[in-house]
Every structure is written in structure tokens, then in C-alpha cells.
Amino acid sequence: MRDEIHLLDSEEDCVRIVQILTSQEFPWDMGRALGIALYRTYAVPSIGALLGKTDEFTGQTQKRYDDTALILGNIMRHGFEPGKGRDALRRMNQMHRSYDISDDDYRYVLSTFVVMPVRWISDYGYGWRSLSDHEVAAITNYYRKLGRHMGIKDIPETYEEFRALLDAYEDEHFAYTEGGRAVSDATLDLMVTFYSPRVAGLARKFSMAILDDSLIRTFRYDPPSRAWRLASDIALKLRARVVRRMRPRQQPLWADDNPNVRSYPGGYDVNRIGTFPAGCPVAHDVDPVAHVEAPSNGPT
């Protein structure tokens, strides 16, 4: 699969490359990295306070986790062309446009999607191999394309620019808010439910140990002990060594296959998941990619 990736163009074939990386090469690692990417955004007051105010991430944490995973997963799995990927993109844009979100915040969130997988897999050494420059370029190009389809302006052009944006934005904007802390608490509480009750306490300590100091300070958590920091780092690097010796994954693993996605045991319609705020100002039959009237898929 790595050889296949390097026969593809990092810009023209960025969707296919990211599909392989996410569903076959690094499905677990990509899931963890993108989860931490989203979690980081709660530490930005304009984002964390908004999420806390809507009560969506505190009152219905499991459903919001599932909706996010399924919407982003469908975009990645099916791409940006008409079909399930386009439908998921439309649904995401409908939700976002119901709130007053700045371009600065949009660019920051996009930067977390670009940077955190590279840091988790390569910089921290938690992936079974490092990402190549070619793969990092493809990840960057994929999220640049997603950002354009979301209507985000002044998107960084290179990975290095995304990384600089992320670090500068967090240095300037990370700050405590009650809403952000509430969303953080709810998210950590949900993560614990993904493990057996017998190890719930250990899972919580492990989750806290992989958060960097800037997040711990911003959310005003007690710092994890040095022992827990070291143990979590060793455990993740040992896992990487084990995975390196396993047979390659033959079948892709998508968000729909994730057992932690539990809100739709009977299936789902991507056009009907997510939030539908009262008084939504969005024209629901507008194609969010081409910005022209699109055929209706029914009431939304």
C-alpha cells in the first residue's frame, strides 16, 4: 500500500492517498490523532464556549461524537463528488453556517486536522512507521481541498504553514472557559465508556496523560504524574512496534465500522444526522461545493 501511495500524485490523488492512510495503513492512529485534533479546539474560547452554550457536546456527547465521525468519514470515504461524500459535506456546511464562526477559527480547526496526524504518527513516534513527505503533502492537499469546499478563505498552502498557524493560534488564544471545560469533561467521560468498566479508572488516567501541558493548563486539570506520562508514551510506542510486525490490513476500516459509534444501530441517512438549529438561515438545497442550486434529496 505504501508503494501504491507513492505511485499517486500528492495533489491530484490526495483523496485516494488519504483514504489508504486512514482506512488501511493507520486506521487506529488516524482516529486517535483526529480525535485529539478536535479536542484541542475546545481550548479556544470562541469555539469551546460556543459548543458549551449549545449543549450539544455536553448533553448529547455520544451522538455528537458519532455524527462528527460519520460526517467526516463519509466525506473521506466517498470524496467530494456527487453522492454520499457531497451529501455529508452539505450537511456539515449547513450546521456550521447556522453559527457565527470566524474564518480565523475555521482555519485553526483545519490546521489541527492537518498537523495532529503528522505529529502523532511521525513526531511522537506512535505510528508503526513514519509518514513520508509525499504523504504529508497529500494530507495537506486533502484538507486544503476540504477547506475550499467549506468556503474558508486564505487557506495555508503548505504543511509548514499549517503547523505555524496552529502553534501561533494556540499560543495566542488558548484560555479557560466554563463552556470549554464542560465540553472537555463530557468528552473525556465518553472516552472512558469505550473501555471495560474494570479499567475505566486507568483509561481516564491514560487519556489525561496523552494531553500536552498546554491543554492541561488551559482546562485547569491536575497535571498527570511523570510516571503516567512515561507509561503512556512507552505503551503507545510498544504498540507501534507490535503493529509493525502484523500482517497488512486487507480490508479498509471506515467510521461506519467503528464499534464506538453507537447512536444508529439500525443505520442512518447522512442528510438527517447532526444538528438542525431552529431558525437555520441556510438554503438547504444549495450545493456547498459548486455554490449552485442542487437537486433536492428531500426535506432537510
Foldseek 3Di string as FASTA:
>chain_A
DVVVLVVDALQVCLLVLVLCCCFFQCVPLLVVLLVVLVLVLLQFCVRLVVQLVVCCLQVVVLQVVLLVQVLVLQCSVPPCDPDSNLLSLLLVLLVVLQDDDDLLSVLLSLLSSLPRSQCRVPVLVLALDHDDLSNSSSSLNRSVLSCVLSVRPPHDDHNVVSVVSNVVCLVPGRAADPSSLSSSVSNLVLQLVVDDPVCSVVSSLLVQLPDDPSVCVRSVHDHRDPVSVVVSSVVSNVVSNVVNPDDTDPDTDTSVNDPSNDPCPPDDDSNPGDDDDPPRPDPSQARSRVRHGHDDPDDD
